Amino acid sequence: MRRFGLVLAAAGVAIAVTVPTAASAADTASGWQWTSESVAPGVTVEVGVLQGASAPFWTVTIDAPATNSLTGQPAVAELGPQQWAQDTAERLGAAGYQPRVDAVDWPAFADTPRGSEGFRVRTGDYTTQADALAAVATQKAAGFSTAAAEWTGFDADQAPDAERVQVAVIDPRTFHGSVAATHDGTVARREVTSTIAAKTGALVAVNGGFFVTSDADGYQGVPSGLAVYDRRLESESVGARAALVLGRRSAQIENLVSTVTVRAGESGHSVEGVNRKPGVVRDCGRPGLSPTSRPRQDFTCTSSDELVLFTAEFGAPLPTGPGAQVVLDAHGGVVSAGDRGGSVPAGDSVVQGVGASASWLAEHAPVGAHVAVDGQIRDAGSGARVHPDGIVSAAPVLLRQGRLAIDGDTEGVIDVHDLSFGYAWAEQRQPRTMAGIDRDGRLLLVTVDGRQPGTSEGVTIEEGARLMRELGAVDAMNLDGGGSSAMAVDGMLVNHPSDSTGERPIGDAVVVLQ
């Protein structure tokens, strides 16, 4: 028996869980029930279900407008958060409601302040979402335009009443297969995790890193951070984000950066992106971008001057518009040069430029010239080169050497100067997918269902870090989550994705192959 002291709630609520290792065994201590299945020698999948004693309810929250560090819009009518909360509560009381004002503390991140982060104003206790939405309509009509229905079970200071957790444990000492990052052959495409699992014959598969979800932000399915598949760099880093680094017999979690350079004769030029739309940078995080050079998850920045490399695996029509383009054969020879557009010929690659970078490309890479492309991946701390078989990238780091090491502001999942950015994503319970490494080198792939009141609320980023530590991880990171969170075993889903339409098509995946 492995004993996990699973901490899923703030305010000191700890739930001790005993996870059985024998298939179909179960334990009901503290409301948890666990089952365990051996998928293959060295690969085990455990599923935990919690029915807790807490009783969350639906309520109405009056949101305060907060300062946006990018737009400079004023916040809380120059009153400050506490005064705004008190004034709003008085207005609610005068309108016949019974308001509650709660202080919200900063999470235990390594790069955030301590103490009170802000204040939450709420009113009402409703059994159903429909009742809460009816109250929202009434309060908006009374002048409270930011009223919104919320489930208190998503709050970090409220113990969850229901959770579903799936844990895949891959032990390299007894598992003789491999763990790989994959985009199923085409980078600019989305596919559901279970289909990727079935196509690759994966024993286990989980969704991987962050990716583009809208045409307005580039090409759907393209990773928005560092990605390596079958030892080929298919997407560049944007800042030093967390990465799951996969070798055939090992896995690591590191903060990595990539650089790509094209060299024509004596002149060289940096490549700022791989397999993405020039001038459009999802998740930001490097100098020269607008409106910010800071990392910002789920946010799109722009650039008017850059080179972008497209590989044979890109799999979509190339971007068109002003700029320059060259096609390189497998040996770096320029076989064509001219306007942007068309497609990447089989076995070749394409470099596009916009702004001043387009002028450099047109001048230094005419037809017949030779262009060398050099790509490197380095550890952001030590600078050492990394030579992975596969990489998926997301954010943030959760654990380092067994300690909480959440760098949420540094990796752009929150902004300490803009409390409106990332709060719901990072500090409220959501579906999550996470990866960790334990002291014996075992890889833990974990999904937590969420956004399902009474079935599974999910975890905050801090709770996710504590969960990974209680599961035995010493190093851990957050992968993509929300509606993307999915785990498939033998091609079949074992979790319950949160989207009402079912399993969400994703970018890349982590697959465990026999």
Protein backbone atom coordinates (compact mmCIF):
# COMPACT_ATOMS: atom_id res chain seq x y z
CA MET A 1 0.00 0.00 0.00
CA ARG A 2 1.26 3.49 -0.82
CA ARG A 3 0.10 6.17 1.55
CA PHE A 4 -0.71 9.63 0.20
CA GLY A 5 -1.68 12.50 2.50
CA LEU A 6 -3.65 14.25 -0.23
CA VAL A 7 -4.15 17.97 0.47
CA LEU A 8 -6.89 19.36 -1.73
CA ALA A 9 -8.20 22.28 0.25
CA ALA A 10 -6.88 25.48 1.75
CA ALA A 11 -7.49 26.48 5.35
CA GLY A 12 -5.55 23.45 6.54
CA VAL A 13 -7.99 20.82 5.33
CA ALA A 14 -5.90 17.67 4.75
CA ILE A 15 -7.39 14.44 3.48
CA ALA A 16 -5.33 11.32 4.03
CA VAL A 17 -5.80 8.78 1.28
CA THR A 18 -4.57 5.21 1.03
CA VAL A 19 -4.15 4.16 -2.57
CA PRO A 20 -4.26 0.39 -3.11
CA THR A 21 -1.89 -1.18 -5.57
CA ALA A 22 -4.00 -4.27 -6.28
CA ALA A 23 -6.35 -3.93 -9.22
CA SER A 24 -10.00 -3.22 -8.32
CA ALA A 25 -9.24 -2.78 -4.63
CA ALA A 26 -10.81 0.26 -3.00
CA ASP A 27 -10.46 2.35 0.12
CA THR A 28 -13.19 4.55 1.52
CA ALA A 29 -11.20 6.36 4.22
CA SER A 30 -12.06 10.07 4.38
CA GLY A 31 -14.59 9.65 1.59
CA TRP A 32 -12.05 8.58 -1.05
CA GLN A 33 -12.40 5.48 -3.17
CA TRP A 34 -9.43 4.32 -5.24
CA THR A 35 -9.04 1.68 -7.90
CA SER A 36 -5.78 0.60 -9.49
CA GLU A 37 -5.07 -1.16 -12.77
CA SER A 38 -1.81 -2.54 -14.12
CA VAL A 39 -1.82 -1.54 -17.80
CA ALA A 40 1.56 -3.13 -18.57
CA PRO A 41 4.67 -4.09 -16.59
CA GLY A 42 5.81 -0.81 -15.09
CA VAL A 43 2.67 1.15 -16.04
CA THR A 44 -0.13 1.57 -13.48
CA VAL A 45 -3.24 3.75 -13.63
CA GLU A 46 -5.01 4.71 -10.40
CA VAL A 47 -8.36 6.51 -10.23
CA GLY A 48 -9.50 8.29 -7.08
CA VAL A 49 -13.01 9.55 -6.37
CA LEU A 50 -13.84 11.80 -3.42
CA GLN A 51 -17.26 12.47 -1.98
CA GLY A 52 -16.48 14.95 0.80
CA ALA A 53 -18.42 16.33 3.73
CA SER A 54 -18.45 19.99 2.67
CA ALA A 55 -21.56 21.63 1.23
CA PRO A 56 -20.75 24.28 -1.41
CA PHE A 57 -23.56 26.33 -2.87
CA TRP A 58 -24.32 28.74 -5.70
CA THR A 59 -23.97 32.42 -4.92
CA VAL A 60 -23.75 35.80 -6.67
CA THR A 61 -20.42 37.61 -6.82
CA ILE A 62 -20.17 41.33 -7.57
CA ASP A 63 -16.92 41.70 -9.46
CA ALA A 64 -14.85 44.87 -9.19
CA PRO A 65 -13.09 46.29 -12.25
CA ALA A 66 -9.36 45.98 -11.68
CA THR A 67 -6.40 47.84 -13.13
CA ASN A 68 -5.22 46.39 -16.42
CA SER A 69 -1.47 46.88 -16.65
CA LEU A 70 -1.66 46.77 -20.46
CA THR A 71 -4.55 49.15 -21.09
CA GLY A 72 -4.11 51.40 -18.04
CA GLN A 73 -7.82 51.42 -17.30
CA PRO A 74 -8.59 52.67 -13.76
CA ALA A 75 -9.69 50.26 -11.05
CA VAL A 76 -12.27 50.37 -8.32
CA ALA A 77 -13.07 54.03 -8.96
CA GLU A 78 -9.87 55.16 -7.19
CA LEU A 79 -11.20 53.88 -3.87
CA GLY A 80 -8.89 50.94 -3.36
CA PRO A 81 -10.12 47.33 -3.13
CA GLN A 82 -11.15 47.28 0.52
CA GLN A 83 -13.07 50.55 0.37
CA TRP A 84 -14.71 49.49 -2.90
CA ALA A 85 -15.79 46.20 -1.30
CA GLN A 86 -17.23 47.98 1.72
CA ASP A 87 -19.07 50.54 -0.40
CA THR A 88 -20.46 47.81 -2.65
CA ALA A 89 -21.64 45.83 0.38
CA GLU A 90 -23.40 48.95 1.70
CA ARG A 91 -25.11 49.45 -1.67
CA LEU A 92 -26.23 45.81 -1.65
CA GLY A 93 -27.58 46.18 1.88
CA ALA A 94 -29.47 49.32 0.94
CA ALA A 95 -31.02 47.41 -1.98
CA GLY A 96 -32.32 44.73 0.37
CA TYR A 97 -29.60 42.10 -0.04
CA GLN A 98 -27.43 40.50 2.66
CA PRO A 99 -23.84 40.92 1.42
CA ARG A 100 -20.71 39.08 2.50
CA VAL A 101 -17.20 40.54 2.20
CA ASP A 102 -14.38 37.98 2.25
CA ALA A 103 -10.66 38.67 2.21
CA VAL A 104 -8.81 36.63 -0.42
CA ASP A 105 -5.19 35.76 0.34
CA TRP A 106 -2.36 35.46 -2.14
CA PRO A 107 -1.56 31.85 -3.06
CA ALA A 108 1.70 30.30 -1.89
CA PHE A 109 3.60 31.09 -5.07
CA ALA A 110 7.34 31.71 -5.00
CA ASP A 111 7.03 35.07 -6.76
CA THR A 112 3.92 36.68 -5.25
CA PRO A 113 3.35 38.80 -2.13
CA ARG A 114 1.94 37.35 1.07
CA GLY A 115 -1.18 38.33 2.96
CA SER A 116 -4.37 39.77 1.51
CA GLU A 117 -4.66 39.87 -2.27
CA GLY A 118 -8.07 41.50 -2.37
CA PHE A 119 -11.70 41.26 -1.32
CA ARG A 120 -14.70 39.36 -2.60
CA VAL A 121 -18.27 40.68 -2.35
CA ARG A 122 -21.11 38.17 -2.53
CA THR A 123 -24.73 37.74 -1.66
CA GLY A 124 -27.16 34.83 -1.55
CA ASP A 125 -27.08 31.07 -1.01
CA TYR A 126 -28.77 29.13 -3.82
CA THR A 127 -29.33 25.42 -4.33
CA THR A 128 -29.23 25.50 -8.13
CA GLN A 129 -27.38 27.45 -10.79
CA ALA A 130 -30.71 28.47 -12.28
CA ASP A 131 -31.71 30.15 -9.00
CA ALA A 132 -28.37 31.97 -8.88
CA LEU A 133 -28.72 33.14 -12.49
CA ALA A 134 -32.21 34.49 -11.73
CA ALA A 135 -30.70 36.46 -8.84
CA VAL A 136 -27.97 37.74 -11.16
CA ALA A 137 -30.59 39.14 -13.52
CA THR A 138 -32.37 40.86 -10.65
CA GLN A 139 -29.16 42.38 -9.28
CA LYS A 140 -28.04 43.61 -12.69
CA ALA A 141 -31.42 45.31 -13.08
CA ALA A 142 -30.78 46.95 -9.69
CA GLY A 143 -27.52 48.47 -10.98
CA PHE A 144 -24.95 45.79 -10.06
CA SER A 145 -23.74 45.27 -13.61
CA THR A 146 -20.86 42.91 -12.77
CA ALA A 147 -23.01 40.37 -10.88
CA ALA A 148 -22.13 36.76 -11.78
CA ALA A 149 -23.24 33.32 -10.57
CA GLU A 150 -20.47 31.26 -8.96
CA TRP A 151 -20.13 27.88 -7.27
CA THR A 152 -18.35 28.22 -3.92
CA GLY A 153 -16.81 24.77 -4.36
CA PHE A 154 -14.39 26.38 -6.85
CA ASP A 155 -12.96 28.63 -4.09
CA ALA A 156 -9.59 27.78 -2.59
CA ASP A 157 -10.87 28.57 0.93
CA GLN A 158 -13.78 26.11 0.63
CA ALA A 159 -13.07 22.39 0.93
CA PRO A 160 -14.19 20.50 -2.18
CA ASP A 161 -17.18 18.19 -1.91
CA ALA A 162 -16.25 16.07 -4.94
CA GLU A 163 -13.10 15.26 -6.90
CA ARG A 164 -11.97 12.79 -9.55
CA VAL A 165 -8.24 12.21 -9.98
CA GLN A 166 -6.47 9.95 -12.48
CA VAL A 167 -2.81 9.02 -11.93
CA ALA A 168 -0.64 7.15 -14.44
CA VAL A 169 2.67 5.94 -12.99
CA ILE A 170 5.41 4.92 -15.43
CA ASP A 171 8.38 3.18 -13.83
CA PRO A 172 11.45 3.11 -16.13
CA ARG A 173 13.00 0.32 -14.05
CA THR A 174 10.34 -2.16 -15.16
CA PHE A 175 8.69 -0.52 -18.18
CA HIS A 176 10.61 -1.29 -21.36
CA GLY A 177 8.64 0.91 -23.75
CA SER A 178 8.97 4.66 -24.23
CA VAL A 179 7.24 7.93 -23.40
CA ALA A 180 7.01 10.41 -26.26
CA ALA A 181 5.67 13.83 -27.17
CA THR A 182 3.61 13.79 -30.34
CA HIS A 183 1.51 15.99 -32.58
CA ASP A 184 0.38 13.07 -34.70
CA GLY A 185 2.39 14.12 -37.77
CA THR A 186 0.90 17.56 -38.48
CA VAL A 187 1.69 20.57 -36.31
CA ALA A 188 -1.10 22.89 -37.45
CA ARG A 189 -3.94 20.55 -36.56
CA ARG A 190 -6.05 19.70 -33.52
CA GLU A 191 -7.14 16.21 -32.50
CA VAL A 192 -8.71 14.76 -29.36
CA THR A 193 -6.43 12.90 -26.95
CA SER A 194 -8.21 9.57 -27.25
CA THR A 195 -7.85 9.61 -31.05
CA ILE A 196 -4.14 10.42 -30.78
CA ALA A 197 -3.86 7.54 -28.31
CA ALA A 198 -5.64 5.14 -30.67
CA LYS A 199 -3.59 6.18 -33.71
CA THR A 200 -0.29 5.77 -31.89
CA GLY A 201 -1.30 2.62 -30.02
CA ALA A 202 -0.57 4.30 -26.70
CA LEU A 203 -1.02 2.44 -23.45
CA VAL A 204 -1.69 5.81 -21.80
CA ALA A 205 -2.01 9.29 -23.25
CA VAL A 206 -2.63 12.71 -21.73
CA ASN A 207 -2.97 16.12 -23.33
CA GLY A 208 0.27 18.08 -23.52
CA GLY A 209 1.23 21.74 -23.71
CA PHE A 210 -0.44 25.07 -24.44
CA PHE A 211 -1.55 25.59 -28.04
CA VAL A 212 -3.35 28.03 -30.33
CA THR A 213 -7.14 27.64 -30.22
CA SER A 214 -8.32 30.47 -32.49
CA ASP A 215 -7.55 31.54 -36.05
CA ALA A 216 -7.18 35.10 -34.75
CA ASP A 217 -4.15 33.95 -32.72
CA GLY A 218 -2.38 32.06 -35.51
CA TYR A 219 -2.80 28.47 -36.66
CA GLN A 220 -5.00 26.25 -34.50
CA GLY A 221 -3.15 23.37 -32.89
CA VAL A 222 0.30 24.96 -33.13
CA PRO A 223 2.06 24.91 -29.73
CA SER A 224 2.39 28.30 -28.07
CA GLY A 225 5.70 27.30 -26.53
CA LEU A 226 8.61 24.95 -26.93
CA ALA A 227 7.86 21.62 -28.62
CA VAL A 228 10.06 18.76 -29.81
CA TYR A 229 8.70 15.62 -31.47
CA ASP A 230 10.94 12.71 -32.46
CA ARG A 231 14.03 14.90 -31.81
CA ARG A 232 12.78 17.63 -34.19
CA LEU A 233 12.18 21.18 -32.99
CA GLU A 234 8.65 22.04 -34.14
CA SER A 235 7.91 25.13 -32.03
CA GLU A 236 10.17 27.67 -30.35
CA SER A 237 10.06 28.83 -26.75
CA VAL A 238 8.64 32.24 -25.88
CA GLY A 239 10.52 32.99 -22.68
CA ALA A 240 11.75 30.45 -20.15
CA ARG A 241 8.67 28.31 -19.57
CA ALA A 242 8.33 24.94 -17.84
CA ALA A 243 8.97 21.93 -20.07
CA LEU A 244 8.55 18.18 -19.71
CA VAL A 245 11.72 16.79 -21.28
CA LEU A 246 11.43 13.21 -22.48
CA GLY A 247 14.14 10.70 -23.26
CA ARG A 248 13.62 7.06 -24.08
CA ARG A 249 14.32 5.94 -20.53
CA SER A 250 13.99 9.12 -18.48
CA ALA A 251 12.03 12.32 -17.96
CA GLN A 252 12.89 15.70 -16.48
CA ILE A 253 11.14 18.98 -15.75
CA GLU A 254 13.13 22.10 -16.61
CA ASN A 255 12.75 25.73 -17.55
CA LEU A 256 14.05 25.82 -21.10
CA VAL A 257 14.74 28.36 -23.84
CA SER A 258 15.40 27.74 -27.52
CA THR A 259 17.31 29.70 -30.13
CA VAL A 260 17.29 29.24 -33.89
CA THR A 261 19.67 31.05 -36.22
CA VAL A 262 19.86 31.14 -40.01
CA ARG A 263 23.26 31.90 -41.50
CA ALA A 264 23.88 32.92 -45.10
CA GLY A 265 27.57 33.39 -45.89
CA GLU A 266 29.09 35.65 -43.23
CA SER A 267 25.73 37.04 -42.09
CA GLY A 268 23.37 35.52 -39.54
CA HIS A 269 19.87 36.35 -38.34
CA SER A 270 17.83 34.99 -35.43
CA VAL A 271 14.61 33.09 -36.08
CA GLU A 272 11.95 34.14 -33.59
CA GLY A 273 9.43 31.41 -34.30
CA VAL A 274 8.93 27.94 -35.75
CA ASN A 275 5.68 26.88 -37.44
CA ARG A 276 3.64 29.91 -36.46
CA LYS A 277 2.22 32.99 -38.16
CA PRO A 278 4.87 35.72 -38.47
CA GLY A 279 4.04 38.71 -36.30
CA VAL A 280 1.56 36.84 -34.09
CA VAL A 281 2.98 35.45 -30.82
CA ARG A 282 0.69 33.51 -28.49
CA ASP A 283 1.58 33.74 -24.77
CA CYS A 284 4.15 36.50 -25.37
CA GLY A 285 7.34 36.51 -23.28
CA ARG A 286 10.25 38.01 -25.24
CA PRO A 287 11.66 41.51 -25.95
CA GLY A 288 10.35 43.47 -28.89
CA LEU A 289 6.73 42.36 -28.65
CA SER A 290 3.68 44.57 -28.30
CA PRO A 291 1.91 45.42 -26.04
CA THR A 292 4.17 43.65 -23.54
CA SER A 293 7.45 41.75 -23.40
CA ARG A 294 6.30 39.92 -20.25
CA PRO A 295 4.97 36.35 -20.39
CA ARG A 296 1.16 36.28 -20.43
CA GLN A 297 -0.58 32.95 -20.79
CA ASP A 298 -3.66 32.95 -23.05
CA PHE A 299 -2.70 36.36 -24.44
CA THR A 300 -1.51 37.27 -27.94
CA CYS A 301 1.30 39.73 -28.67
CA THR A 302 2.45 41.06 -32.02
CA SER A 303 5.71 41.85 -33.77
CA SER A 304 6.34 43.78 -36.98
CA ASP A 305 9.85 42.43 -37.59
CA GLU A 306 10.87 38.77 -37.45
CA LEU A 307 11.86 35.58 -39.25
CA VAL A 308 9.83 32.38 -38.87
CA LEU A 309 10.86 28.87 -39.94
CA PHE A 310 8.33 26.35 -41.26
CA THR A 311 9.18 22.65 -41.21
CA ALA A 312 7.88 19.84 -43.40
CA GLU A 313 5.54 18.82 -40.55
CA PHE A 314 3.72 22.19 -40.50
CA GLY A 315 0.87 20.80 -42.60
CA ALA A 316 -1.12 23.95 -43.48
CA PRO A 317 -1.08 26.64 -46.20
CA LEU A 318 1.73 29.10 -45.54
CA PRO A 319 0.89 32.65 -44.43
CA THR A 320 0.55 35.28 -47.14
CA GLY A 321 1.01 39.04 -47.12
CA PRO A 322 3.84 41.57 -47.26
CA GLY A 323 7.30 40.16 -46.63
CA ALA A 324 9.70 37.65 -48.15
CA GLN A 325 9.99 33.87 -48.35
CA VAL A 326 12.63 31.33 -49.34
CA VAL A 327 12.30 27.58 -49.76
CA LEU A 328 15.24 25.46 -48.57
CA ASP A 329 15.97 21.92 -49.68
CA ALA A 330 17.15 19.26 -47.25
CA HIS A 331 20.75 20.50 -47.59
CA GLY A 332 19.98 24.18 -47.02
CA GLY A 333 20.04 25.21 -50.67
CA VAL A 334 17.67 28.02 -51.64
CA VAL A 335 15.47 26.53 -54.36
CA SER A 336 13.01 29.42 -54.64
CA ALA A 337 12.58 32.95 -53.30
CA GLY A 338 9.80 35.48 -53.56
CA ASP A 339 6.41 36.33 -52.07
CA ARG A 340 4.96 34.59 -49.05
CA GLY A 341 2.47 31.77 -49.53
CA GLY A 342 2.01 28.28 -50.94
CA SER A 343 2.98 25.24 -48.87
CA VAL A 344 6.11 23.55 -47.55
CA PRO A 345 7.35 21.07 -50.18
CA ALA A 346 7.84 17.51 -48.91
CA GLY A 347 11.22 17.17 -47.24
CA ASP A 348 11.97 20.90 -47.50
CA SER A 349 11.60 23.87 -45.17
CA VAL A 350 10.56 27.50 -45.59
CA VAL A 351 11.77 30.73 -43.99
CA GLN A 352 9.48 33.77 -44.03
CA GLY A 353 10.34 37.31 -43.00
CA VAL A 354 8.33 40.42 -42.19
CA GLY A 355 9.57 43.97 -41.62
CA ALA A 356 13.30 44.58 -41.72
CA SER A 357 13.87 40.84 -41.39
CA ALA A 358 12.23 40.36 -44.80
CA SER A 359 14.77 42.73 -46.34
CA TRP A 360 17.62 40.76 -44.78
CA LEU A 361 16.20 37.49 -46.10
CA ALA A 362 15.75 38.83 -49.64
CA GLU A 363 19.28 40.23 -49.67
CA HIS A 364 21.16 37.27 -48.22
CA ALA A 365 19.20 34.25 -49.48
CA PRO A 366 18.75 34.45 -53.25
CA VAL A 367 18.09 31.31 -55.31
CA GLY A 368 21.23 29.17 -55.37
CA ALA A 369 22.57 30.44 -52.04
CA HIS A 370 23.18 28.13 -49.10
CA VAL A 371 21.48 28.81 -45.78
CA ALA A 372 22.47 26.98 -42.58
CA VAL A 373 19.83 26.60 -39.89
CA ASP A 374 21.04 25.98 -36.34
CA GLY A 375 18.65 25.25 -33.48
CA GLN A 376 19.61 24.92 -29.83
CA ILE A 377 17.71 24.23 -26.60
CA ARG A 378 19.27 25.27 -23.30
CA ASP A 379 18.48 25.11 -19.62
CA ALA A 380 17.41 28.63 -18.65
CA GLY A 381 19.37 28.46 -15.40
CA SER A 382 22.64 26.73 -16.21
CA GLY A 383 22.81 27.46 -19.93
CA ALA A 384 23.62 23.79 -20.61
CA ARG A 385 22.43 22.39 -23.93
CA VAL A 386 19.60 19.88 -23.86
CA HIS A 387 19.23 17.11 -26.47
CA PRO A 388 15.73 15.68 -25.90
CA ASP A 389 13.74 13.06 -27.77
CA GLY A 390 10.58 15.03 -27.00
CA ILE A 391 9.32 18.15 -25.22
CA VAL A 392 5.91 19.55 -24.33
CA SER A 393 5.77 22.96 -22.71
CA ALA A 394 3.25 24.81 -20.56
CA ALA A 395 3.37 26.64 -17.19
CA PRO A 396 4.07 27.00 -14.37
CA VAL A 397 6.62 24.91 -12.51
CA LEU A 398 4.97 23.42 -9.40
CA LEU A 399 7.70 21.59 -7.44
CA ARG A 400 11.49 21.64 -7.22
CA GLN A 401 13.24 19.00 -5.10
CA GLY A 402 10.05 18.31 -3.18
CA ARG A 403 9.28 21.94 -2.34
CA LEU A 404 6.58 24.20 -3.69
CA ALA A 405 8.27 26.39 -6.32
CA ILE A 406 5.37 27.91 -8.24
CA ASP A 407 6.67 30.74 -10.44
CA GLY A 408 3.26 31.90 -11.61
CA ASP A 409 4.08 35.58 -12.22
CA THR A 410 7.44 34.80 -13.82
CA GLU A 411 5.84 32.32 -16.24
CA GLY A 412 2.87 34.58 -16.93
CA VAL A 413 -0.09 32.66 -15.54
CA ILE A 414 -0.87 35.56 -13.18
CA ASP A 415 0.22 39.19 -12.99
CA VAL A 416 0.87 40.62 -9.52
CA HIS A 417 0.27 44.11 -10.93
CA ASP A 418 -3.04 43.23 -12.58
CA LEU A 419 -5.32 41.20 -10.34
CA SER A 420 -7.86 40.80 -13.13
CA PHE A 421 -5.40 38.66 -15.09
CA GLY A 422 -5.26 34.92 -14.45
CA TYR A 423 -7.13 34.82 -11.13
CA ALA A 424 -9.86 32.39 -12.20
CA TRP A 425 -7.38 30.29 -14.22
CA ALA A 426 -4.74 29.96 -11.50
CA GLU A 427 -6.39 30.65 -8.14
CA GLN A 428 -9.76 28.97 -8.50
CA ARG A 429 -10.37 25.26 -8.99
CA GLN A 430 -10.14 24.11 -12.59
CA PRO A 431 -9.52 20.86 -14.46
CA ARG A 432 -5.76 20.25 -14.58
CA THR A 433 -3.23 18.01 -16.25
CA MET A 434 0.15 17.78 -14.52
CA ALA A 435 3.40 15.88 -14.83
CA GLY A 436 5.86 14.96 -12.11
CA ILE A 437 8.96 12.91 -11.38
CA ASP A 438 9.38 11.04 -8.09
CA ARG A 439 12.58 10.16 -6.23
CA ASP A 440 12.83 6.81 -8.03
CA GLY A 441 12.64 8.45 -11.46
CA ARG A 442 9.05 7.38 -12.07
CA LEU A 443 6.96 9.65 -14.28
CA LEU A 444 3.57 10.67 -12.93
CA LEU A 445 0.95 11.86 -15.41
CA VAL A 446 -2.05 13.24 -13.53
CA THR A 447 -5.43 14.60 -14.57
CA VAL A 448 -8.00 16.16 -12.25
CA ASP A 449 -11.53 16.62 -13.53
CA GLY A 450 -13.13 19.99 -12.82
CA ARG A 451 -15.87 22.54 -13.50
CA GLN A 452 -18.42 19.87 -12.54
CA PRO A 453 -20.21 20.84 -9.29
CA GLY A 454 -21.05 17.79 -7.23
CA THR A 455 -18.90 15.55 -9.46
CA SER A 456 -15.42 17.08 -9.51
CA GLU A 457 -14.44 20.66 -8.77
CA GLY A 458 -10.80 20.54 -9.85
CA VAL A 459 -7.78 22.09 -8.12
CA THR A 460 -6.10 25.47 -7.98
CA ILE A 461 -2.49 25.73 -9.12
CA GLU A 462 -1.33 25.66 -5.50
CA GLU A 463 -3.53 22.67 -4.71
CA GLY A 464 -2.20 20.96 -7.83
CA ALA A 465 1.36 21.42 -6.55
CA ARG A 466 0.46 20.00 -3.16
CA LEU A 467 -1.36 17.10 -4.80
CA MET A 468 1.69 16.26 -6.91
CA ARG A 469 3.90 16.32 -3.83
CA GLU A 470 1.53 14.06 -1.93
CA LEU A 471 1.52 11.66 -4.86
CA GLY A 472 5.29 11.41 -4.44
CA ALA A 473 6.61 13.86 -7.03
CA VAL A 474 9.73 15.86 -6.20
CA ASP A 475 9.68 17.85 -9.45
CA ALA A 476 6.40 18.78 -11.13
CA MET A 477 4.81 21.14 -13.63
CA ASN A 478 1.40 22.14 -14.89
CA LEU A 479 0.45 21.09 -18.42
CA ASP A 480 -2.53 22.43 -20.37
CA GLY A 481 -5.80 22.11 -18.49
CA GLY A 482 -9.41 23.22 -18.53
CA GLY A 483 -11.43 21.54 -21.26
CA SER A 484 -8.20 20.13 -22.70
CA SER A 485 -7.54 17.86 -19.69
CA ALA A 486 -7.88 14.26 -20.81
CA MET A 487 -6.40 10.86 -20.07
CA ALA A 488 -6.89 7.84 -22.32
CA VAL A 489 -5.94 4.27 -21.41
CA ASP A 490 -5.77 1.80 -24.29
CA GLY A 491 -7.43 4.46 -26.45
CA MET A 492 -10.41 4.98 -24.13
CA LEU A 493 -11.05 8.01 -21.94
CA VAL A 494 -10.82 7.39 -18.20
CA ASN A 495 -11.55 10.94 -17.09
CA HIS A 496 -14.53 13.25 -17.62
CA PRO A 497 -13.55 16.32 -19.70
CA SER A 498 -15.33 19.51 -18.72
CA ASP A 499 -16.53 20.84 -22.10
CA SER A 500 -20.25 20.32 -22.65
CA THR A 501 -19.47 19.18 -26.19
CA GLY A 502 -17.19 16.42 -24.92
CA GLU A 503 -13.49 15.82 -25.43
CA ARG A 504 -11.68 18.90 -26.74
CA PRO A 505 -9.34 18.70 -29.76
CA ILE A 506 -5.85 19.61 -28.53
CA GLY A 507 -2.39 20.39 -29.87
CA ASP A 508 0.14 17.85 -28.70
CA ALA A 509 0.03 14.90 -26.30
CA VAL A 510 2.25 12.77 -24.10
CA VAL A 511 1.94 9.10 -25.05
CA VAL A 512 3.20 5.96 -23.31
CA LEU A 513 4.16 3.45 -26.00
CA GLN A 514 4.82 -0.30 -25.62
